[in-house]
Amino acid sequence: MNPEVPGIVRKVLPRLYEDALLLAVDKPAGVPSGANLQHAHGGLAELLTSVRGGREKLFVVNRLGTNESGVLILAKNEPAARAIRARMRAGAIAQEFVAVVTGRLKGRHFRIDPSHGSSRGRGKPPRPVVRKEGRAAGTSGPRRASEQFGRRAAPGTQVHVLRTEGESALVRCLTTAASTHALLAQLRSAGMFVVGDERPGRYQRRTAPVPLHLHLARIELDAPPQRGRLVLKSPIPRAWNAALAGSMDVEHALRAALAKRLVLFADPMTDAFRLICGAREGLDGIVAEKFGDVVILQVRSDHPQTASSARAAARWYGETLGPRAVVVKSFVKGGGLAQRPPAGPSVSGPAPPPPDQTAIVENGIRFLIRTDKGSAVGLFLDQRENRRRVRELAEGRRVLNLFAYTCGFSVSAALGRAESTTSVDLSPAHLQWGRENFALNRIEPRAHEFFAEDSPDFIKRARRQNRRYGMIILDPPTFAHARRGRRTFSVLADLAELVSRVADVLDPGGILMVSTNHRGMSKRDLQARVKEGARGRRFEVIASPRLPVDFAADPGHAKTLFARFA
């Protein structure tokens, strides 16, 4: 395991408590708890098991939802987890949540009856019973929620308003609700909605989801007699004060995104991956990627407030990951490099600026990355699993890599014992970069060819020369201009025709990999175009890999299928 991983874990997932039976961490929003959840890439239970060396399986005790934050308790054996869950279901354990809400407040202090909000959307809920608390109830004032711990709390949910800003309020909820689902339903029944809570039966389409502002700040458990009761606490996220004030806390999004990727840090065979996917993970206008010991921020210069957000992100990554440098690249809408960098330095970090070129490792393969200028760094990270699959399938095949860029697929095929590789790209500079990648991996060059020409032109010549291939990699750009004439290529309009031409030089039993990152094309659309391009030739889809975990938040990236043609 990377020796830096434990330090990163401590920063991203602070440990609140640990003994022989329990582990409690401060869970960020945006990460599933894990353990038996139907989640493609697992959750925190699986991540922590992995980064701790797989020594023990962890069982989630209080199943906080993906978008909820705060105290997450994990048991180190199943009986301990079952025992605590049973007490929670029985309402014997009070929990203190803090939430940002909108809607009607029933006063500064009130209680919601536990029978409300339990219908789970079936039928019309009863009118909520909300009881005000205070001096009129015969007390000297409402008890602080912390004073309720150590004794069995009153059933239901006691709400205390801590602060109001405009139409929003920060509230503390002392509750015996068995789940956060039940707590959210109780609050809805009383006319309050937690910010980010999707209301049942109401479809809301957003480019980026609003984080759920619900945080488990305190929970108290029975402990062995010599220790009395075990109190676990998590501070209120700083981002919520910013949200009440109408601003944004960049660190909140960065921490949640990094927590999902901890398993990648634990992999000694890969040190390059995406750190955050911009708006899809709550940070509009900024994408961050790690390449070895350098972090590159791609910043939309025409997007509001990105300059200040980029500075905050650069500072946070510098402190949390300790890279050699953080490089900021500024772009305008459409992907072009901006003429001016955002306000502030374009490179930050405790060490001198990085060299123009650095080497990274991906699944054990080394690639050259350029951090100096331009938008091209030399590797599209969303294709990581596809490169691994090509390496697995390439043995003994003649491999043709069209639109080869810096020849990442060709290098993968060569290391997978391909009989030969042919790399075709319009840019001689990119092909030279590819040759350097071959040399970096000590691959004998004699069986590998490079052609600087338009891919459709190469296919025509290959047909005339009766060249045949056992595997063809087809990862075209969304839109491109040919070198000569006014011809253009559009993946939406021209992919089926390109597949048809490529299939003419593919051996029987050969494998075609087709991939696109066009956001307007789904996997179903992609398969339909391959079928159209096959023109009656039979093929079987043998794989349709999902995106790597670092791109899972943004499904608009590479859609891919591997097809074996008859």
Protein backbone atom coordinates (compact mmCIF):
# COMPACT_ATOMS: atom_id res chain seq x y z
CA MET A 1 0.00 0.00 0.00
CA ASN A 2 1.08 3.57 -0.70
CA PRO A 3 2.59 4.76 2.63
CA GLU A 4 0.86 8.13 2.18
CA VAL A 5 -2.63 6.59 2.23
CA PRO A 6 -3.14 6.42 6.03
CA GLY A 7 -2.37 10.14 6.31
CA ILE A 8 -4.81 11.00 3.53
CA VAL A 9 -7.49 8.81 5.13
CA ARG A 10 -7.06 10.62 8.45
CA LYS A 11 -7.55 13.98 6.73
CA VAL A 12 -10.54 12.97 4.60
CA LEU A 13 -12.25 10.56 7.04
CA PRO A 14 -11.30 11.70 10.55
CA ARG A 15 -11.50 8.82 13.03
CA LEU A 16 -13.81 9.70 15.91
CA TYR A 17 -13.37 6.49 17.92
CA GLU A 18 -11.99 2.96 17.71
CA ASP A 19 -11.83 -0.06 19.99
CA ALA A 20 -11.88 -3.84 19.56
CA LEU A 21 -15.53 -3.82 18.43
CA LEU A 22 -16.30 -0.45 16.87
CA LEU A 23 -14.87 2.12 14.49
CA ALA A 24 -16.49 5.56 14.08
CA VAL A 25 -15.52 8.04 11.38
CA ASP A 26 -16.70 11.47 10.32
CA LYS A 27 -18.49 10.69 7.05
CA PRO A 28 -18.66 13.40 4.36
CA ALA A 29 -21.78 13.90 2.27
CA GLY A 30 -21.81 12.33 -1.18
CA VAL A 31 -20.31 8.96 -0.24
CA PRO A 32 -22.40 5.81 0.36
CA SER A 33 -21.94 4.05 3.69
CA GLY A 34 -21.49 0.74 1.89
CA ALA A 35 -21.75 -2.84 3.19
CA ASN A 36 -24.51 -4.77 1.41
CA LEU A 37 -25.72 -1.75 -0.56
CA GLN A 38 -26.34 -2.16 -4.28
CA HIS A 39 -23.69 0.37 -5.24
CA ALA A 40 -21.43 -0.14 -8.24
CA HIS A 41 -18.18 0.85 -6.56
CA GLY A 42 -18.90 0.04 -2.91
CA GLY A 43 -19.01 2.50 -0.03
CA LEU A 44 -17.01 3.62 2.98
CA ALA A 45 -17.17 0.22 4.67
CA GLU A 46 -15.51 -1.37 1.64
CA LEU A 47 -13.09 1.52 1.14
CA LEU A 48 -11.93 1.47 4.75
CA THR A 49 -11.58 -2.31 4.68
CA SER A 50 -9.38 -1.97 1.60
CA VAL A 51 -7.15 0.87 2.80
CA ARG A 52 -6.74 -0.85 6.20
CA GLY A 53 -5.28 -3.86 4.41
CA GLY A 54 -8.39 -6.07 4.40
CA ARG A 55 -7.63 -7.30 7.92
CA GLU A 56 -11.26 -7.20 9.06
CA LYS A 57 -14.67 -6.83 7.50
CA LEU A 58 -16.61 -3.79 8.64
CA PHE A 59 -20.40 -3.74 9.15
CA VAL A 60 -22.39 -0.51 8.93
CA VAL A 61 -24.35 0.15 12.14
CA ASN A 62 -26.21 3.42 11.48
CA ARG A 63 -26.83 3.48 7.76
CA LEU A 64 -26.41 7.12 6.86
CA GLY A 65 -27.56 7.76 3.30
CA THR A 66 -25.17 8.69 0.52
CA ASN A 67 -25.96 12.41 0.81
CA GLU A 68 -25.93 12.58 4.61
CA SER A 69 -22.88 13.34 6.73
CA GLY A 70 -21.68 12.95 10.29
CA VAL A 71 -20.97 10.11 12.71
CA LEU A 72 -20.79 6.78 10.87
CA ILE A 73 -20.44 3.74 13.13
CA LEU A 74 -18.90 0.54 11.79
CA ALA A 75 -18.81 -2.70 13.77
CA LYS A 76 -15.96 -5.19 13.44
CA ASN A 77 -18.29 -8.17 13.71
CA GLU A 78 -21.89 -8.79 12.70
CA PRO A 79 -23.35 -9.59 16.16
CA ALA A 80 -22.21 -6.21 17.49
CA ALA A 81 -23.75 -4.45 14.51
CA ARG A 82 -27.06 -6.34 14.91
CA ALA A 83 -27.28 -5.51 18.61
CA ILE A 84 -26.90 -1.76 18.12
CA ARG A 85 -29.23 -1.72 15.10
CA ALA A 86 -31.92 -3.46 17.14
CA ARG A 87 -31.75 -0.79 19.85
CA MET A 88 -31.99 1.94 17.21
CA ARG A 89 -35.06 0.32 15.63
CA ALA A 90 -36.66 0.14 19.06
CA GLY A 91 -36.17 3.88 19.58
CA ALA A 92 -33.84 3.28 22.52
CA ILE A 93 -30.97 5.37 21.11
CA ALA A 94 -31.36 9.11 20.62
CA GLN A 95 -29.42 10.85 17.89
CA GLU A 96 -28.77 14.53 17.43
CA PHE A 97 -28.92 15.76 13.83
CA VAL A 98 -28.29 19.26 12.58
CA ALA A 99 -30.02 20.35 9.37
CA VAL A 100 -30.56 23.34 7.12
CA VAL A 101 -34.29 23.57 6.42
CA THR A 102 -36.81 25.70 4.59
CA GLY A 103 -40.55 25.90 5.21
CA ARG A 104 -42.81 26.67 8.13
CA LEU A 105 -41.27 26.76 11.60
CA LYS A 106 -43.64 26.03 14.52
CA GLY A 107 -41.67 28.19 16.92
CA ARG A 108 -38.17 28.12 18.36
CA HIS A 109 -38.63 24.79 20.17
CA PHE A 110 -41.19 22.08 19.37
CA ARG A 111 -41.65 18.31 19.13
CA ILE A 112 -43.01 16.19 16.27
CA ASP A 113 -44.97 13.06 17.22
CA PRO A 114 -43.20 9.83 16.08
CA SER A 115 -46.33 8.50 14.34
CA HIS A 116 -46.03 11.10 11.60
CA GLY A 117 -44.01 10.75 8.47
CA SER A 118 -43.99 6.96 8.69
CA SER A 119 -46.22 6.20 5.70
CA ARG A 120 -43.26 6.11 3.24
CA GLY A 121 -45.47 7.84 0.68
CA ARG A 122 -48.39 5.37 0.91
CA GLY A 123 -51.58 7.37 1.19
CA LYS A 124 -52.16 10.78 2.70
CA PRO A 125 -50.23 11.29 5.94
CA PRO A 126 -52.15 12.33 9.02
CA ARG A 127 -52.06 15.92 10.14
CA PRO A 128 -48.90 16.24 12.20
CA VAL A 129 -49.04 16.68 15.95
CA VAL A 130 -46.51 19.37 16.80
CA ARG A 131 -46.13 20.29 20.45
CA LYS A 132 -44.37 23.46 21.49
CA GLU A 133 -41.88 23.21 24.32
CA GLY A 134 -40.86 25.93 26.75
CA ARG A 135 -41.81 27.58 29.99
CA ALA A 136 -45.51 26.94 29.43
CA ALA A 137 -44.82 23.24 29.69
CA GLY A 138 -43.79 23.68 33.31
CA THR A 139 -40.05 23.82 32.79
CA SER A 140 -37.50 26.55 33.27
CA GLY A 141 -36.93 26.57 29.51
CA PRO A 142 -36.27 24.04 26.78
CA ARG A 143 -33.56 21.57 27.64
CA ARG A 144 -30.48 21.58 25.43
CA ALA A 145 -30.37 18.47 23.27
CA SER A 146 -27.12 17.47 24.94
CA GLU A 147 -28.91 17.35 28.30
CA GLN A 148 -31.28 14.72 26.95
CA PHE A 149 -28.46 12.24 26.43
CA GLY A 150 -27.78 9.81 29.22
CA ARG A 151 -31.50 9.23 29.68
CA ARG A 152 -34.19 7.89 27.37
CA ALA A 153 -35.28 10.80 25.13
CA ALA A 154 -38.94 11.54 24.56
CA PRO A 155 -40.30 9.66 21.52
CA GLY A 156 -40.40 11.55 18.25
CA THR A 157 -38.24 14.46 17.20
CA GLN A 158 -37.48 17.56 19.26
CA VAL A 159 -36.59 20.50 17.03
CA HIS A 160 -34.58 23.51 18.25
CA VAL A 161 -33.97 26.46 15.92
CA LEU A 162 -30.35 27.58 16.19
CA ARG A 163 -30.21 30.29 13.54
CA THR A 164 -32.30 31.77 10.74
CA GLU A 165 -31.15 33.46 7.53
CA GLY A 166 -33.88 34.67 5.18
CA GLU A 167 -36.10 31.69 4.30
CA SER A 168 -33.61 29.10 5.67
CA ALA A 169 -32.92 27.97 9.21
CA LEU A 170 -30.26 25.90 10.95
CA VAL A 171 -32.03 23.49 13.31
CA ARG A 172 -31.00 20.80 15.78
CA CYS A 173 -33.12 17.64 15.89
CA LEU A 174 -32.94 15.27 18.84
CA THR A 175 -34.70 12.18 17.52
CA THR A 176 -35.45 8.55 18.22
CA ALA A 177 -36.36 7.95 14.57
CA ALA A 178 -35.02 4.59 13.43
CA SER A 179 -33.59 5.99 10.19
CA THR A 180 -32.80 9.25 8.45
CA HIS A 181 -35.61 8.40 6.01
CA ALA A 182 -38.06 8.50 8.94
CA LEU A 183 -36.57 11.74 10.26
CA LEU A 184 -36.87 13.44 6.87
CA ALA A 185 -40.48 12.25 6.60
CA GLN A 186 -41.30 13.61 10.08
CA LEU A 187 -39.86 17.00 9.17
CA ARG A 188 -41.83 17.02 5.90
CA SER A 189 -45.01 16.20 7.79
CA ALA A 190 -44.45 19.32 9.90
CA GLY A 191 -43.96 21.49 6.79
CA MET A 192 -40.14 21.64 6.89
CA PHE A 193 -37.87 20.45 4.11
CA VAL A 194 -34.18 19.77 4.51
CA VAL A 195 -32.19 21.55 1.80
CA GLY A 196 -31.35 18.96 -0.87
CA ASP A 197 -34.18 16.59 0.11
CA GLU A 198 -35.99 15.38 -3.01
CA ARG A 199 -39.68 15.63 -2.16
CA PRO A 200 -41.67 12.47 -2.90
CA GLY A 201 -43.57 12.55 -6.18
CA ARG A 202 -41.83 15.69 -7.39
CA TYR A 203 -39.48 15.30 -10.34
CA GLN A 204 -36.58 17.74 -10.28
CA ARG A 205 -34.03 17.73 -13.06
CA ARG A 206 -30.69 19.30 -12.21
CA THR A 207 -27.27 19.35 -13.81
CA ALA A 208 -25.78 18.88 -10.36
CA PRO A 209 -27.67 17.65 -7.30
CA VAL A 210 -27.99 19.95 -4.30
CA PRO A 211 -26.21 18.32 -1.33
CA LEU A 212 -28.51 17.12 1.45
CA HIS A 213 -27.90 19.35 4.45
CA LEU A 214 -28.48 16.71 7.13
CA HIS A 215 -25.64 15.94 9.54
CA LEU A 216 -25.48 13.44 12.44
CA ALA A 217 -23.70 15.55 15.04
CA ARG A 218 -24.00 13.29 18.10
CA ILE A 219 -24.98 9.77 19.13
CA GLU A 220 -24.62 8.02 22.48
CA LEU A 221 -24.29 4.25 22.93
CA ASP A 222 -24.11 1.79 25.79
CA ALA A 223 -20.52 0.86 26.58
CA PRO A 224 -18.95 -1.65 28.98
CA PRO A 225 -19.58 -0.76 32.65
CA GLN A 226 -16.08 0.56 33.25
CA ARG A 227 -16.58 3.21 30.57
CA GLY A 228 -20.23 4.13 31.08
CA ARG A 229 -21.85 5.48 27.93
CA LEU A 230 -19.96 6.12 24.70
CA VAL A 231 -20.54 9.59 23.22
CA LEU A 232 -19.58 10.14 19.57
CA LYS A 233 -19.64 13.67 18.13
CA SER A 234 -18.98 15.32 14.78
CA PRO A 235 -18.73 19.09 14.25
CA ILE A 236 -21.30 20.88 12.09
CA PRO A 237 -19.92 21.19 8.53
CA ARG A 238 -18.50 24.63 7.92
CA ALA A 239 -20.17 24.56 4.50
CA TRP A 240 -23.59 24.97 6.10
CA ASN A 241 -22.83 28.37 7.56
CA ALA A 242 -21.69 29.33 4.07
CA ALA A 243 -24.91 27.93 2.60
CA LEU A 244 -27.02 29.96 5.03
CA ALA A 245 -25.08 33.06 3.99
CA GLY A 246 -25.64 32.28 0.31
CA SER A 247 -22.01 31.35 -0.44
CA MET A 248 -20.13 28.09 -1.06
CA ASP A 249 -17.48 26.19 0.89
CA VAL A 250 -15.19 24.58 -1.69
CA GLU A 251 -13.60 22.18 0.77
CA HIS A 252 -16.93 20.43 1.42
CA ALA A 253 -17.13 19.22 -2.20
CA LEU A 254 -13.41 18.43 -2.45
CA ARG A 255 -13.44 16.26 0.67
CA ALA A 256 -16.51 14.25 -0.36
CA ALA A 257 -15.09 13.63 -3.84
CA LEU A 258 -11.73 12.54 -2.45
CA ALA A 259 -13.36 10.13 0.01
CA LYS A 260 -14.92 8.20 -2.91
CA ARG A 261 -11.47 7.75 -4.42
CA LEU A 262 -9.50 6.53 -1.41
CA VAL A 263 -9.37 3.02 -2.85
CA LEU A 264 -7.43 4.45 -5.83
CA PHE A 265 -4.81 5.93 -3.53
CA ALA A 266 -4.34 2.49 -2.03
CA ASP A 267 -3.48 0.96 -5.43
CA PRO A 268 0.33 0.94 -5.89
CA MET A 269 -0.08 0.16 -9.61
CA THR A 270 -1.94 3.40 -10.47
CA ASP A 271 -1.12 6.98 -9.51
CA ALA A 272 -3.19 8.98 -12.01
CA PHE A 273 -6.94 9.56 -11.68
CA ARG A 274 -9.60 12.25 -11.57
CA LEU A 275 -10.12 13.94 -8.21
CA ILE A 276 -13.41 15.76 -8.82
CA CYS A 277 -15.83 15.97 -11.78
CA GLY A 278 -16.85 19.61 -11.56
CA ALA A 279 -20.55 20.44 -11.32
CA ARG A 280 -21.52 16.77 -11.01
CA GLU A 281 -19.79 16.75 -7.63
CA GLY A 282 -20.80 20.20 -6.46
CA LEU A 283 -17.98 22.37 -7.83
CA ASP A 284 -19.06 24.22 -10.98
CA GLY A 285 -16.37 25.15 -13.48
CA ILE A 286 -13.50 23.11 -12.01
CA VAL A 287 -12.17 19.63 -12.79
CA ALA A 288 -9.12 18.27 -10.93
CA GLU A 289 -6.87 15.35 -11.85
CA LYS A 290 -3.87 13.77 -10.16
CA PHE A 291 -0.91 12.76 -12.32
CA GLY A 292 1.70 11.18 -10.08
CA ASP A 293 2.87 13.90 -7.72
CA VAL A 294 1.28 16.75 -9.70
CA VAL A 295 -2.35 17.95 -9.48
CA ILE A 296 -3.83 19.72 -12.51
CA LEU A 297 -6.90 21.94 -12.14
CA GLN A 298 -8.88 22.65 -15.32
CA VAL A 299 -10.76 25.87 -14.67
CA ARG A 300 -13.54 27.46 -16.74
CA SER A 301 -12.39 31.09 -16.84
CA ASP A 302 -15.79 32.30 -18.09
CA HIS A 303 -17.61 30.65 -15.19
CA PRO A 304 -18.60 32.86 -12.23
CA GLN A 305 -16.43 32.70 -9.10
CA THR A 306 -14.04 30.08 -10.48
CA ALA A 307 -10.93 32.16 -9.77
CA SER A 308 -11.53 32.21 -6.01
CA SER A 309 -12.72 28.58 -6.02
CA ALA A 310 -9.61 27.52 -7.96
CA ARG A 311 -7.32 29.19 -5.43
CA ALA A 312 -9.16 27.50 -2.56
CA ALA A 313 -9.02 24.12 -4.34
CA ALA A 314 -5.31 24.48 -5.13
CA ARG A 315 -4.58 25.33 -1.50
CA TRP A 316 -6.68 22.41 -0.18
CA TYR A 317 -5.10 19.82 -2.51
CA GLY A 318 -1.67 21.16 -1.65
CA GLU A 319 -2.30 20.73 2.09
CA THR A 320 -4.18 17.41 1.85
CA LEU A 321 -2.20 15.49 -0.79
CA GLY A 322 1.19 17.16 -0.51
CA PRO A 323 1.89 17.16 -4.28
CA ARG A 324 5.05 18.56 -5.82
CA ALA A 325 2.88 21.22 -7.44
CA VAL A 326 -0.70 22.18 -8.28
CA VAL A 327 -1.03 23.46 -11.85
CA VAL A 328 -4.03 25.61 -12.83
CA LYS A 329 -5.06 25.60 -16.50
CA SER A 330 -7.71 28.10 -17.51
CA PHE A 331 -10.24 27.35 -20.28
CA VAL A 332 -13.07 29.11 -22.01
CA LYS A 333 -16.42 27.53 -22.88
CA GLY A 334 -15.95 24.94 -25.63
CA GLY A 335 -12.66 23.62 -24.27
CA GLY A 336 -10.09 26.08 -25.68
CA LEU A 337 -7.19 27.24 -23.56
CA ALA A 338 -7.81 30.75 -22.21
CA GLN A 339 -5.40 33.54 -23.06
CA ARG A 340 -5.02 34.54 -19.44
CA PRO A 341 -4.75 32.39 -16.33
CA PRO A 342 -7.20 32.96 -13.48
CA ALA A 343 -6.32 35.52 -10.85
CA GLY A 344 -3.44 34.37 -8.72
CA PRO A 345 -0.49 32.11 -9.58
CA SER A 346 -0.92 29.41 -12.22
CA VAL A 347 1.32 27.04 -10.28
CA SER A 348 1.28 26.67 -6.53
CA GLY A 349 2.89 24.33 -4.07
CA PRO A 350 5.68 24.07 -1.54
CA ALA A 351 8.22 22.94 -4.16
CA PRO A 352 9.44 24.50 -7.43
CA PRO A 353 7.17 24.22 -10.50
CA PRO A 354 7.00 20.75 -12.05
CA PRO A 355 9.08 19.85 -15.10
CA ASP A 356 7.47 20.06 -18.52
CA GLN A 357 7.15 16.27 -18.52
CA THR A 358 6.56 13.66 -15.85
CA ALA A 359 5.93 9.91 -15.83
CA ILE A 360 2.87 8.32 -14.24
CA VAL A 361 1.80 4.70 -13.81
CA GLU A 362 -1.59 3.20 -14.71
CA ASN A 363 -2.29 -0.47 -14.00
CA GLY A 364 1.47 -1.00 -14.03
CA ILE A 365 2.02 0.77 -17.39
CA ARG A 366 4.05 4.00 -17.54
CA PHE A 367 2.96 7.03 -19.56
CA LEU A 368 4.50 10.45 -20.16
CA ILE A 369 2.37 13.42 -19.07
CA ARG A 370 3.04 17.03 -20.04
CA THR A 371 1.96 19.69 -17.60
CA ASP A 372 3.49 22.76 -19.22
CA LYS A 373 1.13 24.26 -21.80
CA GLY A 374 -1.93 23.54 -23.86
CA SER A 375 -4.91 21.44 -22.90
CA ALA A 376 -3.32 18.10 -23.85
CA VAL A 377 -1.69 16.23 -20.98
CA GLY A 378 -1.29 13.01 -22.97
CA LEU A 379 -3.78 10.60 -21.44
CA PHE A 380 -7.58 10.43 -21.15
CA LEU A 381 -8.12 9.00 -17.68
CA ASP A 382 -11.72 7.88 -18.31
CA GLN A 383 -10.30 5.18 -20.64
CA ARG A 384 -8.27 3.48 -17.89
CA GLU A 385 -10.41 0.34 -17.64
CA ASN A 386 -10.68 0.13 -21.44
CA ARG A 387 -6.89 0.14 -21.76
CA ARG A 388 -6.74 -2.65 -19.21
CA ARG A 389 -9.32 -4.65 -21.18
CA VAL A 390 -7.37 -4.15 -24.43
CA ARG A 391 -4.25 -5.50 -22.75
CA GLU A 392 -6.19 -8.60 -21.65
CA LEU A 393 -7.60 -9.27 -25.15
CA ALA A 394 -4.65 -8.38 -27.37
CA GLU A 395 -2.48 -11.49 -27.11
CA GLY A 396 -1.50 -12.86 -30.53
CA ARG A 397 -3.55 -10.26 -32.45
CA ARG A 398 -2.55 -7.60 -34.97
CA VAL A 399 -3.94 -4.44 -33.40
CA LEU A 400 -4.95 -1.27 -35.26
CA ASN A 401 -5.38 1.86 -33.13
CA LEU A 402 -7.16 4.65 -35.02
CA PHE A 403 -7.24 8.24 -33.71
CA ALA A 404 -4.35 6.98 -31.58
CA TYR A 405 -3.44 10.28 -29.86
CA THR A 406 -0.35 9.39 -27.74
CA CYS A 407 -0.81 5.64 -28.34
CA GLY A 408 -2.01 4.60 -24.88
CA PHE A 409 -4.10 1.74 -26.32
CA SER A 410 -1.19 0.64 -28.53
CA VAL A 411 1.19 0.47 -25.57
CA SER A 412 -1.41 -1.54 -23.61
CA ALA A 413 -1.85 -3.97 -26.52
CA ALA A 414 1.91 -4.37 -26.97
CA LEU A 415 2.33 -5.21 -23.28
CA GLY A 416 -0.54 -7.67 -23.68
CA ARG A 417 1.63 -9.58 -26.19
CA ALA A 418 -0.05 -8.39 -29.35
CA GLU A 419 1.61 -9.73 -32.49
CA SER A 420 1.91 -6.14 -33.76
CA THR A 421 0.38 -2.69 -33.33
CA THR A 422 -0.39 0.03 -35.88
CA SER A 423 -1.03 3.55 -34.54
CA VAL A 424 -2.72 6.12 -36.78
CA ASP A 425 -3.16 9.78 -35.90
CA LEU A 426 -3.28 13.05 -37.80
CA SER A 427 -0.65 14.64 -35.51
CA PRO A 428 3.03 13.66 -35.98
CA ALA A 429 3.78 15.26 -32.60
CA HIS A 430 1.30 12.99 -30.84
CA LEU A 431 2.75 9.92 -32.56
CA GLN A 432 6.24 10.93 -31.46
CA TRP A 433 4.85 11.20 -27.95
CA GLY A 434 3.49 7.67 -28.44
CA ARG A 435 6.94 6.40 -29.47
CA GLU A 436 8.30 7.85 -26.23
CA ASN A 437 5.61 5.94 -24.30
CA PHE A 438 6.74 2.73 -26.04
CA ALA A 439 10.36 3.46 -25.10
CA LEU A 440 9.40 4.28 -21.50
CA ASN A 441 7.93 0.77 -21.18
CA ARG A 442 10.97 -0.84 -22.90
CA ILE A 443 8.91 -2.22 -25.76
CA GLU A 444 10.90 -3.48 -28.75
CA PRO A 445 9.80 -1.14 -31.61
CA ARG A 446 10.27 -3.46 -34.60
CA ALA A 447 6.73 -4.89 -34.55
CA HIS A 448 5.02 -1.52 -34.11
CA GLU A 449 4.14 1.04 -36.83
CA PHE A 450 3.10 4.69 -36.70
CA PHE A 451 1.24 6.54 -39.49
CA ALA A 452 0.62 10.30 -39.43
CA GLU A 453 -2.50 10.50 -41.56
CA ASP A 454 -6.24 10.81 -41.43
CA SER A 455 -7.79 7.60 -40.06
CA PRO A 456 -10.46 7.23 -42.82
CA ASP A 457 -7.72 7.66 -45.45
CA PHE A 458 -5.63 4.98 -43.77
CA ILE A 459 -8.58 2.56 -43.82
CA LYS A 460 -9.00 3.07 -47.58
CA ARG A 461 -5.33 2.31 -48.14
CA ALA A 462 -5.46 -0.72 -45.81
CA ARG A 463 -8.32 -2.15 -47.89
CA ARG A 464 -6.35 -1.66 -51.12
CA GLN A 465 -3.27 -3.31 -49.59
CA ASN A 466 -5.35 -6.14 -48.07
CA ARG A 467 -4.16 -5.38 -44.54
CA ARG A 468 -6.12 -7.31 -41.89
CA TYR A 469 -6.34 -6.89 -38.13
CA GLY A 470 -7.47 -9.07 -35.23
CA MET A 471 -8.38 -6.07 -33.02
CA ILE A 472 -9.29 -2.49 -33.94
CA ILE A 473 -9.51 0.39 -31.46
CA LEU A 474 -11.96 3.09 -32.52
CA ASP A 475 -12.06 6.06 -30.15
CA PRO A 476 -12.76 9.03 -32.45
CA PRO A 477 -13.12 12.66 -31.40
CA THR A 478 -16.62 14.09 -31.18
CA PHE A 479 -15.83 16.50 -33.99
CA ALA A 480 -12.71 16.93 -36.15
CA HIS A 481 -11.39 18.52 -39.33
CA ALA A 482 -9.41 16.48 -41.85
CA ARG A 483 -5.94 17.66 -42.86
CA ARG A 484 -6.85 18.26 -46.50
CA GLY A 485 -9.96 19.79 -48.00
CA ARG A 486 -13.03 20.91 -46.11
CA ARG A 487 -14.10 17.49 -44.87
CA THR A 488 -15.18 17.24 -41.24
CA PHE A 489 -15.96 14.30 -38.98
CA SER A 490 -18.91 14.22 -36.59
CA VAL A 491 -19.33 11.20 -34.34
CA LEU A 492 -23.13 11.52 -34.41
CA ALA A 493 -23.36 11.68 -38.20
CA ASP A 494 -20.37 9.58 -39.31
CA LEU A 495 -19.73 6.85 -36.74
CA ALA A 496 -21.86 4.17 -38.44
CA GLU A 497 -20.09 4.72 -41.79
CA LEU A 498 -16.70 4.61 -40.07
CA VAL A 499 -17.60 1.30 -38.37
CA SER A 500 -18.61 -0.07 -41.77
CA ARG A 501 -15.22 0.79 -43.29
CA VAL A 502 -13.31 -0.53 -40.29
CA ALA A 503 -15.22 -3.83 -40.32
CA ASP A 504 -13.89 -4.47 -43.86
CA VAL A 505 -10.34 -4.90 -42.50
CA LEU A 506 -11.32 -6.82 -39.35
CA ASP A 507 -10.59 -10.56 -39.33
CA PRO A 508 -13.38 -13.09 -38.67
CA GLY A 509 -13.41 -13.50 -34.91
CA GLY A 510 -11.77 -10.09 -34.59
CA ILE A 511 -12.62 -7.64 -31.81
CA LEU A 512 -13.74 -4.06 -32.37
CA MET A 513 -13.61 -1.60 -29.47
CA VAL A 514 -15.77 1.48 -30.07
CA SER A 515 -15.87 4.35 -27.59
CA THR A 516 -17.24 7.88 -27.46
CA ASN A 517 -17.54 10.61 -24.84
CA HIS A 518 -20.26 12.49 -26.72
CA ARG A 519 -22.82 13.40 -24.06
CA GLY A 520 -25.67 13.12 -26.53
CA MET A 521 -24.95 9.46 -27.27
CA SER A 522 -25.96 6.71 -24.85
CA LYS A 523 -24.63 3.16 -24.78
CA ARG A 524 -27.81 2.06 -26.54
CA ASP A 525 -27.22 4.68 -29.27
CA LEU A 526 -23.63 3.52 -29.60
CA GLN A 527 -24.64 -0.11 -30.07
CA ALA A 528 -27.27 0.95 -32.63
CA ARG A 529 -24.62 2.71 -34.71
CA VAL A 530 -22.31 -0.30 -34.54
CA LYS A 531 -25.19 -2.50 -35.70
CA GLU A 532 -25.93 -0.09 -38.56
CA GLY A 533 -22.25 -0.04 -39.53
CA ALA A 534 -21.99 -3.84 -39.45
CA ARG A 535 -24.45 -3.99 -42.37
CA GLY A 536 -25.68 -7.45 -41.64
CA ARG A 537 -22.41 -8.90 -40.45
CA ARG A 538 -23.04 -10.74 -37.20
CA PHE A 539 -21.30 -9.58 -34.02
CA GLU A 540 -21.53 -10.25 -30.30
CA VAL A 541 -21.04 -7.60 -27.61
CA ILE A 542 -18.55 -9.24 -25.25
CA ALA A 543 -18.09 -6.33 -22.84
CA SER A 544 -19.50 -2.90 -22.06
CA PRO A 545 -17.27 -1.68 -19.23
CA ARG A 546 -18.57 0.77 -16.68
CA LEU A 547 -16.67 3.96 -15.99
CA PRO A 548 -13.88 3.89 -13.38
CA VAL A 549 -14.87 4.96 -9.87
CA ASP A 550 -13.33 8.42 -10.33
CA PHE A 551 -15.67 9.13 -13.28
CA ALA A 552 -18.80 7.39 -11.95
CA ALA A 553 -20.35 10.71 -10.85
CA ASP A 554 -20.41 11.91 -14.47
CA PRO A 555 -21.85 9.20 -16.76
CA GLY A 556 -21.49 11.47 -19.80
CA HIS A 557 -17.91 10.29 -20.20
CA ALA A 558 -16.72 7.34 -22.28
CA LYS A 559 -19.43 4.92 -23.40
CA THR A 560 -17.71 1.81 -24.72
CA LEU A 561 -18.44 -1.60 -26.14
CA PHE A 562 -16.21 -4.48 -27.21
CA ALA A 563 -17.74 -6.52 -30.05
CA ARG A 564 -16.50 -9.80 -31.56
CA PHE A 565 -17.38 -9.99 -35.28
CA ALA A 566 -18.17 -13.24 -37.03
